N, C-alpha and C. Protein backbone atom coordinates (compact mmCIF):
# COMPACT_ATOMS: atom_id res chain seq x y z
N UNK A 1 -48.51 -89.04 34.77
CA UNK A 1 -49.64 -88.28 35.27
C UNK A 1 -50.30 -89.14 36.37
N UNK A 2 -50.50 -88.36 37.50
CA UNK A 2 -51.13 -89.05 38.65
C UNK A 2 -52.69 -89.20 38.48
N UNK A 3 -53.43 -89.94 39.33
CA UNK A 3 -54.84 -90.24 39.25
C UNK A 3 -55.52 -88.85 39.25
N UNK A 4 -55.21 -87.98 40.18
CA UNK A 4 -55.85 -86.69 40.31
C UNK A 4 -55.85 -85.92 38.96
N UNK A 5 -54.66 -85.90 38.29
CA UNK A 5 -54.55 -85.20 37.09
C UNK A 5 -55.34 -85.82 35.94
N UNK A 6 -55.39 -87.19 35.89
CA UNK A 6 -56.10 -87.80 34.97
C UNK A 6 -57.67 -87.54 35.16
N UNK A 7 -58.14 -87.61 36.40
CA UNK A 7 -59.51 -87.22 36.64
C UNK A 7 -59.89 -85.86 36.24
N UNK A 8 -58.90 -84.89 36.49
CA UNK A 8 -59.16 -83.52 36.08
C UNK A 8 -59.26 -83.43 34.58
N UNK A 9 -58.44 -84.09 33.98
CA UNK A 9 -58.38 -84.04 32.46
C UNK A 9 -59.71 -84.64 31.84
N UNK A 10 -60.16 -85.80 32.33
CA UNK A 10 -61.42 -86.32 31.92
C UNK A 10 -62.70 -85.52 32.10
N UNK A 11 -62.54 -84.79 33.33
CA UNK A 11 -63.69 -83.97 33.61
C UNK A 11 -63.74 -82.71 32.76
N UNK A 12 -62.54 -82.12 32.42
CA UNK A 12 -62.57 -80.76 31.75
C UNK A 12 -62.79 -80.99 30.24
N UNK A 13 -62.40 -82.26 29.84
CA UNK A 13 -62.68 -82.64 28.32
C UNK A 13 -64.16 -83.04 28.15
N UNK A 14 -64.80 -83.37 29.22
CA UNK A 14 -66.26 -83.70 29.02
C UNK A 14 -67.03 -82.41 28.80
N UNK A 15 -67.82 -82.37 27.60
CA UNK A 15 -68.45 -81.09 27.25
C UNK A 15 -69.43 -80.54 28.40
N UNK A 16 -70.21 -81.43 28.96
CA UNK A 16 -71.20 -80.88 29.80
C UNK A 16 -70.59 -80.47 31.11
N UNK A 17 -69.66 -81.36 31.64
CA UNK A 17 -68.89 -80.91 32.78
C UNK A 17 -68.09 -79.78 32.71
N UNK A 18 -67.57 -79.50 31.60
CA UNK A 18 -66.76 -78.33 31.31
C UNK A 18 -67.67 -77.07 31.35
N UNK A 19 -68.78 -77.20 30.70
CA UNK A 19 -69.78 -76.08 30.65
C UNK A 19 -70.29 -75.75 32.16
N UNK A 20 -70.69 -76.74 32.85
CA UNK A 20 -71.14 -76.54 34.24
C UNK A 20 -70.06 -75.93 35.06
N UNK A 21 -68.84 -76.46 34.92
CA UNK A 21 -67.74 -75.79 35.73
C UNK A 21 -67.40 -74.39 35.44
N UNK A 22 -67.43 -74.08 34.15
CA UNK A 22 -67.14 -72.71 33.81
C UNK A 22 -68.22 -71.80 34.05
N UNK A 23 -69.46 -72.27 34.03
CA UNK A 23 -70.59 -71.45 34.42
C UNK A 23 -70.54 -70.96 35.87
N UNK A 24 -69.94 -71.81 36.72
CA UNK A 24 -69.73 -71.38 38.04
C UNK A 24 -68.48 -70.56 38.47
N UNK A 25 -67.42 -70.77 37.52
CA UNK A 25 -66.23 -70.14 37.82
C UNK A 25 -65.78 -68.91 36.80
N UNK A 26 -66.09 -69.18 35.46
CA UNK A 26 -65.77 -68.27 34.38
C UNK A 26 -66.87 -68.28 33.38
N UNK A 27 -67.95 -67.68 33.70
CA UNK A 27 -69.13 -67.67 32.84
C UNK A 27 -68.92 -67.05 31.41
N UNK A 28 -68.00 -66.09 31.35
CA UNK A 28 -67.72 -65.48 30.07
C UNK A 28 -67.07 -66.65 29.13
N UNK A 29 -66.41 -67.49 29.55
CA UNK A 29 -65.91 -68.56 28.70
C UNK A 29 -67.12 -69.34 28.03
N UNK A 30 -68.10 -69.61 28.80
CA UNK A 30 -69.33 -70.27 28.10
C UNK A 30 -69.94 -69.31 27.10
N UNK A 31 -70.12 -68.16 27.56
CA UNK A 31 -70.71 -67.17 26.62
C UNK A 31 -69.99 -66.98 25.27
N UNK A 32 -68.69 -66.92 25.44
CA UNK A 32 -67.85 -66.70 24.22
C UNK A 32 -67.75 -68.08 23.30
N UNK A 33 -68.12 -69.28 23.91
CA UNK A 33 -68.01 -70.47 23.24
C UNK A 33 -66.63 -71.08 23.24
N UNK A 34 -65.76 -70.79 24.14
CA UNK A 34 -64.41 -71.18 24.30
C UNK A 34 -64.56 -72.84 24.58
N UNK A 35 -63.65 -73.58 24.00
CA UNK A 35 -63.62 -75.00 24.17
C UNK A 35 -62.18 -75.46 24.37
N UNK A 36 -62.03 -76.47 25.19
CA UNK A 36 -60.68 -77.19 25.32
C UNK A 36 -60.68 -78.19 24.37
N UNK A 37 -59.84 -78.10 23.30
CA UNK A 37 -59.65 -79.04 22.23
C UNK A 37 -58.89 -80.24 22.68
N UNK A 38 -57.77 -80.01 23.43
CA UNK A 38 -56.90 -81.10 23.91
C UNK A 38 -56.20 -80.64 25.09
N UNK A 39 -55.93 -81.67 25.97
CA UNK A 39 -55.15 -81.42 27.20
C UNK A 39 -54.44 -82.70 27.63
N UNK A 40 -53.05 -82.48 27.71
CA UNK A 40 -52.21 -83.56 28.00
C UNK A 40 -51.24 -83.15 28.96
N UNK A 41 -50.34 -84.01 29.47
CA UNK A 41 -49.24 -83.69 30.31
C UNK A 41 -48.39 -82.54 29.81
N UNK A 42 -48.15 -82.49 28.56
CA UNK A 42 -47.28 -81.59 27.90
C UNK A 42 -47.97 -80.22 27.43
N UNK A 43 -49.17 -80.30 27.09
CA UNK A 43 -49.74 -79.26 26.50
C UNK A 43 -51.33 -79.04 26.46
N UNK A 44 -51.75 -77.96 26.12
CA UNK A 44 -53.22 -77.69 26.04
C UNK A 44 -53.51 -76.81 24.82
N UNK A 45 -54.62 -77.13 24.17
CA UNK A 45 -55.18 -76.32 23.01
C UNK A 45 -56.52 -75.93 23.38
N UNK A 46 -56.82 -74.61 23.18
CA UNK A 46 -58.09 -74.08 23.47
C UNK A 46 -58.63 -73.30 22.26
N UNK A 47 -59.88 -73.41 21.85
CA UNK A 47 -60.31 -72.71 20.71
C UNK A 47 -61.36 -71.67 21.16
N UNK A 48 -61.38 -70.57 20.34
CA UNK A 48 -62.41 -69.56 20.52
C UNK A 48 -62.96 -69.28 19.08
N UNK A 49 -64.36 -69.33 18.94
CA UNK A 49 -64.90 -69.08 17.65
C UNK A 49 -64.96 -67.56 17.28
N UNK A 50 -65.07 -67.33 16.04
CA UNK A 50 -65.44 -65.96 15.63
C UNK A 50 -66.92 -65.87 15.34
N UNK A 51 -67.71 -65.37 16.35
CA UNK A 51 -69.09 -65.22 16.35
C UNK A 51 -69.50 -63.91 16.77
N UNK A 52 -70.87 -63.61 16.81
CA UNK A 52 -71.29 -62.41 17.24
C UNK A 52 -70.97 -62.14 18.74
N UNK A 53 -70.82 -63.31 19.52
CA UNK A 53 -70.52 -63.17 20.93
C UNK A 53 -69.06 -62.72 21.23
N UNK A 54 -68.18 -63.03 20.26
CA UNK A 54 -66.76 -62.61 20.53
C UNK A 54 -66.33 -61.46 19.68
N UNK A 55 -67.19 -61.00 18.83
CA UNK A 55 -66.80 -59.98 17.74
C UNK A 55 -66.77 -58.50 18.33
N UNK A 56 -65.88 -57.75 17.90
CA UNK A 56 -65.84 -56.36 18.24
C UNK A 56 -66.38 -55.55 17.15
N UNK A 57 -66.51 -54.22 17.12
CA UNK A 57 -67.03 -53.41 16.02
C UNK A 57 -66.10 -53.43 14.76
N UNK A 58 -64.94 -53.94 14.86
CA UNK A 58 -64.07 -53.94 13.81
C UNK A 58 -64.03 -55.28 13.03
N UNK A 59 -64.96 -56.12 13.29
CA UNK A 59 -65.10 -57.50 12.63
C UNK A 59 -63.87 -58.33 12.94
N UNK A 60 -63.46 -58.44 14.08
CA UNK A 60 -62.53 -59.33 14.58
C UNK A 60 -62.87 -59.79 15.98
N UNK A 61 -62.19 -60.69 16.59
CA UNK A 61 -62.35 -61.12 17.92
C UNK A 61 -61.88 -60.07 18.89
N UNK A 62 -62.70 -59.83 19.89
CA UNK A 62 -62.45 -58.87 20.89
C UNK A 62 -61.24 -59.28 21.69
N UNK A 63 -60.33 -58.35 21.94
CA UNK A 63 -59.10 -58.59 22.54
C UNK A 63 -59.28 -59.35 23.95
N UNK A 64 -60.27 -59.08 24.65
CA UNK A 64 -60.45 -59.66 26.01
C UNK A 64 -60.94 -61.10 25.86
N UNK A 65 -61.62 -61.35 24.83
CA UNK A 65 -62.12 -62.81 24.60
C UNK A 65 -60.85 -63.55 24.24
N UNK A 66 -59.98 -63.07 23.40
CA UNK A 66 -58.73 -63.80 23.05
C UNK A 66 -57.79 -63.96 24.32
N UNK A 67 -57.75 -62.99 25.08
CA UNK A 67 -56.97 -63.09 26.31
C UNK A 67 -57.53 -64.14 27.31
N UNK A 68 -58.85 -64.20 27.35
CA UNK A 68 -59.47 -65.20 28.16
C UNK A 68 -59.13 -66.63 27.74
N UNK A 69 -59.18 -66.82 26.42
CA UNK A 69 -58.91 -68.16 25.82
C UNK A 69 -57.43 -68.49 26.07
N UNK A 70 -56.44 -67.57 25.88
CA UNK A 70 -55.16 -67.72 25.98
C UNK A 70 -54.80 -68.06 27.50
N UNK A 71 -55.33 -67.36 28.44
CA UNK A 71 -55.20 -67.73 29.85
C UNK A 71 -55.67 -69.03 30.20
N UNK A 72 -56.84 -69.41 29.63
CA UNK A 72 -57.40 -70.84 29.88
C UNK A 72 -56.46 -71.87 29.40
N UNK A 73 -55.74 -71.61 28.28
CA UNK A 73 -54.83 -72.59 27.78
C UNK A 73 -53.64 -72.96 28.63
N UNK A 74 -53.31 -71.88 29.37
CA UNK A 74 -52.26 -72.10 30.46
C UNK A 74 -52.83 -72.51 31.81
N UNK A 75 -53.94 -71.93 32.18
CA UNK A 75 -54.63 -72.28 33.41
C UNK A 75 -55.05 -73.62 33.55
N UNK A 76 -55.65 -74.19 32.53
CA UNK A 76 -56.14 -75.62 32.53
C UNK A 76 -54.90 -76.52 32.70
N UNK A 77 -53.83 -76.18 31.99
CA UNK A 77 -52.56 -76.97 32.12
C UNK A 77 -52.13 -76.96 33.56
N UNK A 78 -52.11 -75.84 34.19
CA UNK A 78 -51.70 -75.67 35.62
C UNK A 78 -52.57 -76.50 36.57
N UNK A 79 -53.84 -76.27 36.42
CA UNK A 79 -54.84 -76.97 37.25
C UNK A 79 -54.59 -78.53 37.10
N UNK A 80 -54.41 -78.99 35.92
CA UNK A 80 -54.19 -80.39 35.73
C UNK A 80 -52.95 -80.90 36.46
N UNK A 81 -51.92 -80.21 36.29
CA UNK A 81 -50.64 -80.51 37.00
C UNK A 81 -50.65 -80.54 38.43
N UNK A 82 -51.53 -79.56 38.99
CA UNK A 82 -51.70 -79.44 40.48
C UNK A 82 -52.68 -80.54 41.05
N UNK A 83 -53.50 -81.02 40.21
CA UNK A 83 -54.52 -81.97 40.73
C UNK A 83 -53.84 -83.20 41.25
N UNK A 84 -54.27 -83.67 42.37
CA UNK A 84 -53.65 -84.81 43.02
C UNK A 84 -52.46 -84.61 43.82
N UNK A 85 -52.00 -83.37 43.78
CA UNK A 85 -50.79 -83.07 44.56
C UNK A 85 -51.10 -82.48 45.94
N UNK A 86 -50.19 -82.18 46.74
CA UNK A 86 -50.54 -81.53 47.96
C UNK A 86 -51.06 -80.16 47.74
N UNK A 87 -51.78 -79.48 48.57
CA UNK A 87 -52.40 -78.18 48.27
C UNK A 87 -51.39 -77.19 47.86
N UNK A 88 -51.78 -76.43 46.75
CA UNK A 88 -51.02 -75.28 46.26
C UNK A 88 -51.89 -74.19 45.96
N UNK A 89 -51.33 -72.99 45.89
CA UNK A 89 -52.07 -71.85 45.43
C UNK A 89 -51.49 -71.43 44.13
N UNK A 90 -52.21 -70.82 43.30
CA UNK A 90 -51.72 -70.33 41.95
C UNK A 90 -52.30 -68.99 41.63
N UNK A 91 -51.67 -68.08 41.00
CA UNK A 91 -52.00 -66.78 40.74
C UNK A 91 -51.40 -66.17 39.57
N UNK A 92 -52.11 -65.51 38.72
CA UNK A 92 -51.47 -64.70 37.53
C UNK A 92 -50.80 -63.56 38.19
N UNK A 93 -49.53 -63.30 37.92
CA UNK A 93 -48.73 -62.16 38.43
C UNK A 93 -48.41 -61.27 37.38
N UNK A 94 -48.54 -61.68 36.02
CA UNK A 94 -48.14 -60.78 34.97
C UNK A 94 -48.85 -61.29 33.78
N UNK A 95 -49.25 -60.40 32.88
CA UNK A 95 -49.96 -60.78 31.63
C UNK A 95 -49.53 -59.81 30.56
N UNK A 96 -49.12 -60.26 29.48
CA UNK A 96 -48.85 -59.53 28.29
C UNK A 96 -49.34 -60.16 27.09
N UNK A 97 -49.88 -59.48 26.06
CA UNK A 97 -50.41 -60.13 24.86
C UNK A 97 -49.92 -59.22 23.70
N UNK A 98 -49.50 -59.95 22.62
CA UNK A 98 -49.24 -59.27 21.39
C UNK A 98 -50.17 -59.75 20.36
N UNK A 99 -50.59 -58.75 19.56
CA UNK A 99 -51.58 -59.11 18.46
C UNK A 99 -50.90 -58.74 17.05
N UNK A 100 -50.95 -59.65 16.20
CA UNK A 100 -50.17 -59.63 14.90
C UNK A 100 -51.16 -59.41 13.63
N UNK A 101 -52.20 -60.24 13.66
CA UNK A 101 -53.12 -60.24 12.57
C UNK A 101 -54.64 -60.03 13.10
N UNK A 102 -55.51 -59.79 12.05
CA UNK A 102 -56.89 -59.62 12.50
C UNK A 102 -57.29 -61.08 12.75
N UNK A 103 -58.07 -61.33 13.92
CA UNK A 103 -58.61 -62.58 14.20
C UNK A 103 -60.05 -62.65 13.68
N UNK A 104 -60.35 -63.18 12.61
CA UNK A 104 -61.60 -63.22 12.08
C UNK A 104 -62.02 -64.52 11.59
N UNK A 105 -61.38 -65.56 12.18
CA UNK A 105 -61.79 -66.96 12.00
C UNK A 105 -61.62 -67.65 13.42
N UNK A 106 -62.01 -68.86 13.56
CA UNK A 106 -61.65 -69.58 14.82
C UNK A 106 -60.22 -69.53 15.11
N UNK A 107 -59.93 -69.27 16.43
CA UNK A 107 -58.47 -69.08 16.80
C UNK A 107 -58.20 -70.25 17.84
N UNK A 108 -57.08 -70.85 17.64
CA UNK A 108 -56.62 -71.96 18.61
C UNK A 108 -55.34 -71.51 19.33
N UNK A 109 -55.50 -71.44 20.60
CA UNK A 109 -54.45 -71.06 21.53
C UNK A 109 -53.79 -72.37 22.07
N UNK A 110 -52.41 -72.40 21.93
CA UNK A 110 -51.66 -73.61 22.31
C UNK A 110 -50.58 -73.18 23.29
N UNK A 111 -50.51 -73.85 24.39
CA UNK A 111 -49.45 -73.88 25.38
C UNK A 111 -48.75 -75.25 25.50
N UNK A 112 -47.49 -75.30 25.42
CA UNK A 112 -46.81 -76.50 25.43
C UNK A 112 -45.68 -76.64 26.57
N UNK A 113 -46.08 -76.12 27.80
CA UNK A 113 -45.08 -76.12 28.78
C UNK A 113 -45.55 -76.93 30.03
N UNK A 114 -46.35 -77.93 29.84
CA UNK A 114 -46.77 -78.71 30.82
C UNK A 114 -45.69 -79.49 31.48
N UNK A 115 -44.69 -80.02 30.84
CA UNK A 115 -43.56 -80.71 31.40
C UNK A 115 -42.67 -79.83 32.16
N UNK A 116 -42.44 -78.62 31.83
CA UNK A 116 -41.63 -77.72 32.59
C UNK A 116 -42.34 -77.32 33.80
N UNK A 117 -43.64 -77.15 33.76
CA UNK A 117 -44.46 -76.88 35.07
C UNK A 117 -44.36 -78.14 35.97
N UNK A 118 -44.45 -79.26 35.41
CA UNK A 118 -44.41 -80.50 36.39
C UNK A 118 -43.16 -80.55 36.96
N UNK A 119 -42.02 -80.26 36.30
CA UNK A 119 -40.69 -80.19 36.88
C UNK A 119 -40.54 -79.21 38.05
N UNK A 120 -41.14 -78.10 37.83
CA UNK A 120 -41.09 -77.10 38.89
C UNK A 120 -41.82 -77.62 40.12
N UNK A 121 -43.03 -78.12 39.88
CA UNK A 121 -43.85 -78.59 41.02
C UNK A 121 -43.25 -79.75 41.71
N UNK A 122 -42.55 -80.66 41.02
CA UNK A 122 -41.85 -81.78 41.55
C UNK A 122 -40.74 -81.47 42.54
N UNK A 123 -40.20 -80.17 42.32
CA UNK A 123 -39.08 -79.71 43.10
C UNK A 123 -39.58 -79.06 44.47
N UNK A 124 -40.83 -78.90 44.59
CA UNK A 124 -41.44 -78.39 45.90
C UNK A 124 -41.35 -79.57 46.90
N UNK A 125 -40.63 -79.32 48.03
CA UNK A 125 -40.49 -80.40 48.97
C UNK A 125 -41.19 -80.06 50.21
N UNK A 126 -41.36 -78.78 50.59
CA UNK A 126 -41.99 -78.40 51.82
C UNK A 126 -43.03 -77.26 51.75
N UNK A 127 -43.78 -77.14 52.80
CA UNK A 127 -44.75 -76.02 52.79
C UNK A 127 -44.09 -74.73 52.64
N UNK A 128 -44.67 -73.80 51.89
CA UNK A 128 -44.08 -72.49 51.77
C UNK A 128 -43.12 -72.38 50.52
N UNK A 129 -42.79 -73.55 49.88
CA UNK A 129 -41.96 -73.38 48.64
C UNK A 129 -42.75 -72.75 47.58
N UNK A 130 -42.10 -71.93 46.82
CA UNK A 130 -42.82 -71.15 45.75
C UNK A 130 -41.91 -70.99 44.49
N UNK A 131 -42.54 -70.71 43.38
CA UNK A 131 -41.95 -70.42 42.14
C UNK A 131 -42.76 -69.79 41.23
N UNK A 132 -42.27 -69.14 40.18
CA UNK A 132 -43.05 -68.55 39.07
C UNK A 132 -42.63 -69.18 37.78
N UNK A 133 -43.61 -69.22 36.86
CA UNK A 133 -43.24 -69.80 35.53
C UNK A 133 -43.90 -68.80 34.48
N UNK A 134 -43.11 -68.37 33.61
CA UNK A 134 -43.53 -67.67 32.45
C UNK A 134 -44.03 -68.49 31.36
N UNK A 135 -45.34 -68.50 31.05
CA UNK A 135 -45.90 -69.41 30.12
C UNK A 135 -46.36 -68.58 28.90
N UNK A 136 -46.21 -69.32 27.75
CA UNK A 136 -46.51 -68.65 26.48
C UNK A 136 -47.62 -69.50 25.75
N UNK A 137 -48.56 -68.74 25.36
CA UNK A 137 -49.73 -69.35 24.55
C UNK A 137 -49.79 -68.62 23.19
N UNK A 138 -49.71 -69.46 22.12
CA UNK A 138 -49.74 -68.92 20.77
C UNK A 138 -51.02 -69.13 20.13
N UNK A 139 -51.71 -68.17 19.68
CA UNK A 139 -52.93 -68.21 18.96
C UNK A 139 -52.81 -68.21 17.38
N UNK A 140 -53.38 -69.21 16.81
CA UNK A 140 -53.26 -69.34 15.33
C UNK A 140 -54.70 -69.39 14.80
N UNK A 141 -54.83 -68.80 13.58
CA UNK A 141 -56.12 -68.98 12.82
C UNK A 141 -56.19 -70.27 12.11
N UNK A 142 -57.28 -70.46 11.47
CA UNK A 142 -57.59 -71.76 10.77
C UNK A 142 -56.57 -72.05 9.69
N UNK A 143 -55.78 -71.09 9.20
CA UNK A 143 -54.75 -71.34 8.15
C UNK A 143 -53.50 -71.61 8.73
N UNK A 144 -53.38 -71.59 10.23
CA UNK A 144 -52.10 -71.80 10.77
C UNK A 144 -51.17 -70.54 11.03
N UNK A 145 -51.79 -69.31 10.69
CA UNK A 145 -51.02 -68.21 10.84
C UNK A 145 -51.12 -67.66 12.31
N UNK A 146 -49.98 -67.20 12.89
CA UNK A 146 -50.12 -66.69 14.24
C UNK A 146 -50.82 -65.27 14.22
N UNK A 147 -51.84 -65.18 15.10
CA UNK A 147 -52.62 -63.93 15.16
C UNK A 147 -52.20 -63.23 16.45
N UNK A 148 -51.92 -63.97 17.46
CA UNK A 148 -51.58 -63.46 18.78
C UNK A 148 -50.65 -64.33 19.58
N UNK A 149 -49.96 -63.72 20.54
CA UNK A 149 -49.27 -64.55 21.54
C UNK A 149 -49.30 -63.90 22.89
N UNK A 150 -49.64 -64.72 23.82
CA UNK A 150 -49.84 -64.34 25.21
C UNK A 150 -48.65 -64.84 26.11
N UNK A 151 -48.21 -63.95 27.00
CA UNK A 151 -47.24 -64.25 27.87
C UNK A 151 -47.75 -64.06 29.36
N UNK A 152 -47.94 -65.32 29.97
CA UNK A 152 -48.73 -65.25 31.28
C UNK A 152 -47.70 -65.84 32.33
N UNK A 153 -47.45 -65.08 33.44
CA UNK A 153 -46.53 -65.42 34.43
C UNK A 153 -47.46 -65.94 35.69
N UNK A 154 -47.40 -67.25 35.89
CA UNK A 154 -48.07 -67.84 37.06
C UNK A 154 -47.21 -67.92 38.21
N UNK A 155 -47.70 -67.69 39.41
CA UNK A 155 -46.93 -67.83 40.53
C UNK A 155 -47.58 -69.06 41.40
N UNK A 156 -46.83 -69.98 41.86
CA UNK A 156 -47.22 -71.23 42.60
C UNK A 156 -46.58 -71.22 43.93
N UNK A 157 -47.37 -71.64 45.00
CA UNK A 157 -46.93 -71.71 46.30
C UNK A 157 -47.55 -72.98 46.94
N UNK A 158 -46.63 -73.75 47.50
CA UNK A 158 -47.13 -75.01 48.29
C UNK A 158 -47.61 -74.54 49.61
N UNK A 159 -48.83 -74.93 49.88
CA UNK A 159 -49.41 -74.65 51.23
C UNK A 159 -48.93 -75.60 52.28
């Protein structure tokens, strides 16, 4: 992990810096109470609570709130891997989510593809190089049961 990645990791795991950063870029994340539980070179864990702010009329977590938490689990990993490198752009080009069980407890979304992403980015040698990566984030309830799985395709381009 380079210095830029380590600095990004420290900042995003700091509760106040995370809240302030999200307020300016993704205010819904702050409203929903989403938190980054862990972030490393290899993976990211993001939690979303079951509260009145995330609840739908059917007494489960609103699908869009879960999608936001799932995307953050992959996006934070991407941002950390890009930090300290030459300029890159990144964009979600496809998103699919499957729901298996009612989400009526805190849900933890986990993505463990950080090393695969680092390998792709390490292969970029010149401006204009691009690639896509299909990332998977699995959401589990407090009992460890899978309640949802998100498939997010990120596109990266070296500037």
